[in-house]
Amino acid sequence: MAEQTPGIFVRFAELSYPEVERLLTGSERKVALLAVGSTEAHGPHLPLSTDSLIGEAVVERAAAELAARGHLAAALPPIHYAVTEWARDFAGSTSIDAEVAIGMVLGTCRAARATGFDRVVVFTAHLEPDHIASLREVARRYAEATGEALLFVDTTRRALAARLTPEFQSGSCHAGRYETSLVLAIRPDLVRMELAAALPEHVVPLAEHIRAGKRGFLECDMPRAYCGAPALATAEEGREILATLATLVVEAVVASFA
């Protein structure tokens, strides 16, 4: 069996425009990967940038794996703002209008396609229902405008969620064990672990609350903007989750070329 020719992994924002021109003349399949994060409260122990940190780490790891498979894989600069109405009562949380969010992500994806990428991938670690709905709308409009599918790796879909942790699958995971473990693996210096260790497990049936029409952390009995079990988080589990998330992205890209 012939050995796979290594591809190229780049952080797009670090390139000059002549370097972009040269890279896009290559024969490799070209993939642009975009992390869409948020700026919102994640308990008293995690930074506002939690979703962006996770998304950027997943995209970079997936891009490196795709490069190892022979692709030109470019990690685009992440988007740090989204619909974050559920955290509106907590200082620092910054929500933008859904149409603004859709336009920003859609415009970025269409520009990447026009630049010369064969596939455009979107990944988000921000799971607010209206945000997920906005990204599904981006995918619909992208397909309508380009005639091609946008690869939105939606971990809220049952088949993908089933490959993640029990806490994630329960839905009671905002700034809990799942996300705290990921940030411990990515930026341990940003985890206030002494605070996390003192937080009791707080199980919140978010799916039930959503069905009941509740819309916000306070309405869902999350007075400290967290649910789950942050005290049980470990960097080791975070690394395992990160590997799984990157694999989900890689699989979506590989399947799209099949």
Protein backbone atom coordinates (compact mmCIF):
# COMPACT_ATOMS: atom_id res chain seq x y z
CA MET A 1 0.00 0.00 0.00
CA ALA A 2 1.39 3.42 -0.98
CA GLU A 3 2.40 5.71 1.86
CA GLN A 4 0.18 8.77 2.42
CA THR A 5 1.88 11.97 1.28
CA PRO A 6 1.78 14.46 4.15
CA GLY A 7 -0.34 17.53 3.59
CA ILE A 8 -0.12 20.97 5.17
CA PHE A 9 -1.62 22.40 8.36
CA VAL A 10 -1.78 26.19 8.67
CA ARG A 11 -3.29 28.80 10.94
CA PHE A 12 -4.86 30.95 8.28
CA ALA A 13 -4.51 34.30 10.07
CA GLU A 14 -0.74 33.87 10.34
CA LEU A 15 -0.21 33.67 6.57
CA SER A 16 0.58 36.52 4.22
CA TYR A 17 -1.55 36.84 1.07
CA PRO A 18 1.26 35.60 -1.26
CA GLU A 19 1.58 32.51 0.95
CA VAL A 20 -2.17 31.89 0.63
CA GLU A 21 -1.92 32.24 -3.15
CA ARG A 22 0.91 29.70 -3.30
CA LEU A 23 -0.82 27.21 -1.01
CA LEU A 24 -4.03 27.28 -3.01
CA THR A 25 -2.21 26.33 -6.21
CA GLY A 26 -1.27 22.97 -4.69
CA SER A 27 -2.91 19.69 -5.68
CA GLU A 28 -4.01 18.74 -2.15
CA ARG A 29 -7.67 18.68 -1.21
CA LYS A 30 -8.22 21.95 0.61
CA VAL A 31 -10.25 22.21 3.81
CA ALA A 32 -11.06 25.33 5.82
CA LEU A 33 -12.15 24.79 9.43
CA LEU A 34 -14.00 27.42 11.45
CA ALA A 35 -14.60 27.36 15.19
CA VAL A 36 -17.62 29.35 16.33
CA GLY A 37 -17.39 30.12 20.02
CA SER A 38 -19.09 32.48 22.44
CA THR A 39 -18.36 34.98 25.16
CA GLU A 40 -20.50 33.92 28.12
CA ALA A 41 -20.49 32.88 31.77
CA HIS A 42 -19.28 29.34 32.49
CA GLY A 43 -19.64 29.03 36.23
CA PRO A 44 -17.41 30.88 38.68
CA HIS A 45 -14.42 28.73 37.70
CA LEU A 46 -14.11 28.88 33.89
CA PRO A 47 -13.37 31.81 31.57
CA LEU A 48 -15.92 33.56 29.37
CA SER A 49 -13.95 32.21 26.40
CA THR A 50 -14.57 28.53 27.29
CA ASP A 51 -16.54 27.68 24.13
CA SER A 52 -14.03 29.48 21.91
CA LEU A 53 -11.06 27.75 23.57
CA ILE A 54 -12.64 24.32 23.07
CA GLY A 55 -13.69 25.04 19.50
CA GLU A 56 -10.28 26.38 18.50
CA ALA A 57 -8.49 23.38 20.05
CA VAL A 58 -10.78 20.92 18.25
CA VAL A 59 -10.33 22.68 14.92
CA GLU A 60 -6.54 22.81 15.23
CA ARG A 61 -6.27 19.16 16.22
CA ALA A 62 -8.60 18.08 13.41
CA ALA A 63 -6.68 20.23 10.92
CA ALA A 64 -3.39 18.61 11.97
CA GLU A 65 -4.92 15.14 11.53
CA LEU A 66 -6.29 16.07 8.10
CA ALA A 67 -2.86 17.35 7.10
CA ALA A 68 -1.39 14.01 8.13
CA ARG A 69 -3.86 12.43 5.70
CA GLY A 70 -2.61 14.58 2.84
CA HIS A 71 -4.95 17.57 2.92
CA LEU A 72 -4.22 21.27 3.02
CA ALA A 73 -6.08 22.06 6.26
CA ALA A 74 -6.46 25.66 7.38
CA ALA A 75 -7.70 26.62 10.84
CA LEU A 76 -9.55 29.88 10.26
CA PRO A 77 -9.59 32.60 12.94
CA PRO A 78 -12.39 31.68 15.37
CA ILE A 79 -15.57 33.69 15.85
CA HIS A 80 -15.99 34.61 19.52
CA TYR A 81 -19.55 35.93 19.57
CA ALA A 82 -22.87 34.14 19.12
CA VAL A 83 -26.45 34.02 20.37
CA THR A 84 -25.94 33.64 24.14
CA GLU A 85 -29.27 34.73 25.61
CA TRP A 86 -29.30 31.98 28.24
CA ALA A 87 -26.40 33.64 30.08
CA ARG A 88 -27.78 37.17 29.78
CA ASP A 89 -28.07 37.67 33.56
CA PHE A 90 -24.36 37.08 34.19
CA ALA A 91 -21.66 39.74 33.88
CA GLY A 92 -19.55 39.57 30.75
CA SER A 93 -21.91 37.41 28.72
CA THR A 94 -22.24 38.99 25.30
CA SER A 95 -25.05 37.95 22.99
CA ILE A 96 -25.58 39.11 19.40
CA ASP A 97 -28.74 39.02 17.32
CA ALA A 98 -29.39 35.74 15.50
CA GLU A 99 -29.41 37.35 12.04
CA VAL A 100 -26.10 39.06 12.79
CA ALA A 101 -24.63 35.76 13.96
CA ILE A 102 -25.94 33.94 10.88
CA GLY A 103 -24.58 36.61 8.56
CA MET A 104 -21.14 36.59 10.17
CA VAL A 105 -20.71 32.82 10.01
CA LEU A 106 -22.31 32.45 6.58
CA GLY A 107 -20.21 35.27 5.14
CA THR A 108 -17.03 33.74 6.52
CA CYS A 109 -17.87 30.31 5.12
CA ARG A 110 -18.82 31.63 1.68
CA ALA A 111 -15.62 33.71 1.58
CA ALA A 112 -13.54 30.62 2.41
CA ARG A 113 -15.24 28.70 -0.40
CA ALA A 114 -14.67 31.57 -2.84
CA THR A 115 -11.00 31.70 -1.82
CA GLY A 116 -10.54 28.19 -3.18
CA PHE A 117 -11.23 25.69 -0.41
CA ASP A 118 -12.92 22.46 -1.47
CA ARG A 119 -14.66 21.96 1.85
CA VAL A 120 -15.67 24.32 4.65
CA VAL A 121 -16.22 22.91 8.15
CA VAL A 122 -17.93 24.54 11.13
CA PHE A 123 -17.51 23.31 14.69
CA THR A 124 -19.01 24.79 17.85
CA ALA A 125 -18.77 23.93 21.53
CA HIS A 126 -21.54 26.42 22.36
CA LEU A 127 -24.75 24.41 22.71
CA GLU A 128 -27.46 27.01 23.35
CA PRO A 129 -30.51 25.91 21.32
CA ASP A 130 -30.92 29.18 19.42
CA HIS A 131 -27.22 29.17 18.55
CA ILE A 132 -27.42 25.63 17.18
CA ALA A 133 -30.52 26.70 15.22
CA SER A 134 -28.56 29.64 13.78
CA LEU A 135 -25.77 27.35 12.57
CA ARG A 136 -28.25 24.95 11.00
CA GLU A 137 -29.69 27.94 9.18
CA VAL A 138 -26.17 28.89 8.05
CA ALA A 139 -25.76 25.39 6.61
CA ARG A 140 -29.11 25.66 4.80
CA ARG A 141 -28.33 29.06 3.28
CA TYR A 142 -24.79 28.00 2.35
CA ALA A 143 -26.09 24.98 0.44
CA GLU A 144 -28.73 27.11 -1.24
CA ALA A 145 -26.17 29.74 -2.29
CA THR A 146 -23.31 27.45 -3.36
CA GLY A 147 -24.97 24.17 -4.31
CA GLU A 148 -22.61 22.41 -1.90
CA ALA A 149 -22.97 21.14 1.66
CA LEU A 150 -21.44 22.99 4.57
CA LEU A 151 -19.91 20.49 6.99
CA PHE A 152 -21.49 21.49 10.30
CA VAL A 153 -20.33 18.94 12.88
CA ASP A 154 -23.34 19.16 15.18
CA THR A 155 -22.61 17.30 18.42
CA THR A 156 -26.19 17.79 19.60
CA ARG A 157 -27.25 15.18 17.02
CA ARG A 158 -27.90 11.88 18.78
CA ALA A 159 -25.41 9.79 16.79
CA LEU A 160 -22.52 12.14 17.61
CA ALA A 161 -23.55 12.82 21.21
CA ALA A 162 -23.54 9.06 21.83
CA ARG A 163 -19.78 9.06 21.34
CA LEU A 164 -19.20 11.63 24.07
CA THR A 165 -19.34 11.40 27.87
CA PRO A 166 -22.35 10.45 29.98
CA GLU A 167 -22.50 13.98 31.41
CA PHE A 168 -22.58 15.47 27.91
CA GLN A 169 -25.33 13.07 26.87
CA SER A 170 -27.37 14.00 29.95
CA GLY A 171 -27.39 17.65 28.87
CA SER A 172 -26.43 18.72 32.38
CA CYS A 173 -22.95 19.76 31.32
CA HIS A 174 -22.63 23.54 31.13
CA ALA A 175 -19.31 24.29 32.88
CA GLY A 176 -19.54 20.86 34.49
CA ARG A 177 -17.16 17.92 34.36
CA TYR A 178 -17.20 17.78 30.54
CA GLU A 179 -16.26 21.39 29.81
CA THR A 180 -14.01 21.81 32.83
CA SER A 181 -12.03 18.73 31.79
CA LEU A 182 -11.60 20.15 28.30
CA VAL A 183 -10.31 23.50 29.54
CA LEU A 184 -7.97 21.70 31.96
CA ALA A 185 -6.53 19.91 28.93
CA ILE A 186 -6.29 23.05 26.79
CA ARG A 187 -5.56 25.98 29.15
CA PRO A 188 -5.20 24.74 32.74
CA ASP A 189 -4.00 28.17 33.80
CA LEU A 190 -7.50 29.53 33.13
CA VAL A 191 -9.32 27.04 35.38
CA ARG A 192 -9.95 28.29 38.93
CA MET A 193 -9.65 24.72 40.23
CA GLU A 194 -9.92 25.71 43.88
CA LEU A 195 -13.40 27.06 43.06
CA ALA A 196 -14.31 24.09 40.85
CA ALA A 197 -13.32 21.62 43.57
CA ALA A 198 -15.73 23.29 46.00
CA LEU A 199 -18.73 23.26 43.65
CA PRO A 200 -21.28 20.53 44.46
CA GLU A 201 -22.67 18.43 41.65
CA HIS A 202 -25.73 20.22 40.31
CA VAL A 203 -27.91 18.11 38.02
CA VAL A 204 -30.26 20.16 35.85
CA PRO A 205 -32.70 18.52 33.40
CA LEU A 206 -32.08 21.10 30.69
CA ALA A 207 -33.94 19.17 27.98
CA GLU A 208 -37.07 19.16 30.14
CA HIS A 209 -36.71 22.86 30.90
CA ILE A 210 -36.34 23.66 27.20
CA ARG A 211 -39.47 21.66 26.39
CA ALA A 212 -41.27 23.58 29.14
CA GLY A 213 -40.34 26.86 27.45
CA LYS A 214 -37.72 28.07 29.92
CA ARG A 215 -35.02 30.27 28.41
CA GLY A 216 -32.11 31.13 30.65
CA PHE A 217 -29.77 29.78 33.28
CA LEU A 218 -31.61 31.47 36.14
CA GLU A 219 -34.97 30.12 34.96
CA CYS A 220 -33.39 26.65 34.90
CA ASP A 221 -32.08 26.81 38.47
CA MET A 222 -28.48 27.57 37.57
CA PRO A 223 -27.75 30.54 39.88
CA ARG A 224 -23.99 30.19 39.38
CA ALA A 225 -24.13 29.52 35.62
CA TYR A 226 -23.09 25.89 35.85
CA CYS A 227 -24.56 22.41 36.01
CA GLY A 228 -22.94 19.00 36.20
CA ALA A 229 -19.95 18.05 38.32
CA PRO A 230 -16.96 20.35 37.75
CA ALA A 231 -15.15 19.01 40.83
CA LEU A 232 -14.72 15.66 39.06
CA ALA A 233 -12.98 17.15 36.03
CA THR A 234 -9.51 15.97 34.98
CA ALA A 235 -7.11 16.99 32.23
CA GLU A 236 -6.83 13.33 31.21
CA GLU A 237 -10.55 13.13 30.52
CA GLY A 238 -10.34 16.44 28.69
CA ARG A 239 -7.65 15.08 26.37
CA GLU A 240 -9.80 12.03 25.63
CA ILE A 241 -12.82 14.20 24.82
CA LEU A 242 -10.70 16.50 22.65
CA ALA A 243 -9.44 13.51 20.66
CA THR A 244 -12.99 12.27 20.12
CA LEU A 245 -14.26 15.68 19.02
CA ALA A 246 -11.40 16.08 16.54
CA THR A 247 -12.11 12.59 15.18
CA LEU A 248 -15.75 13.53 14.57
CA VAL A 249 -14.58 16.48 12.49
CA VAL A 250 -12.05 14.42 10.54
CA GLU A 251 -14.64 11.74 9.83
CA ALA A 252 -17.07 14.31 8.44
CA VAL A 253 -14.43 15.65 6.07
CA VAL A 254 -13.26 12.21 4.92
CA ALA A 255 -16.86 11.11 4.32
CA SER A 256 -17.55 14.23 2.26
CA PHE A 257 -14.74 13.31 -0.17
CA ALA A 258 -15.73 9.64 -0.37
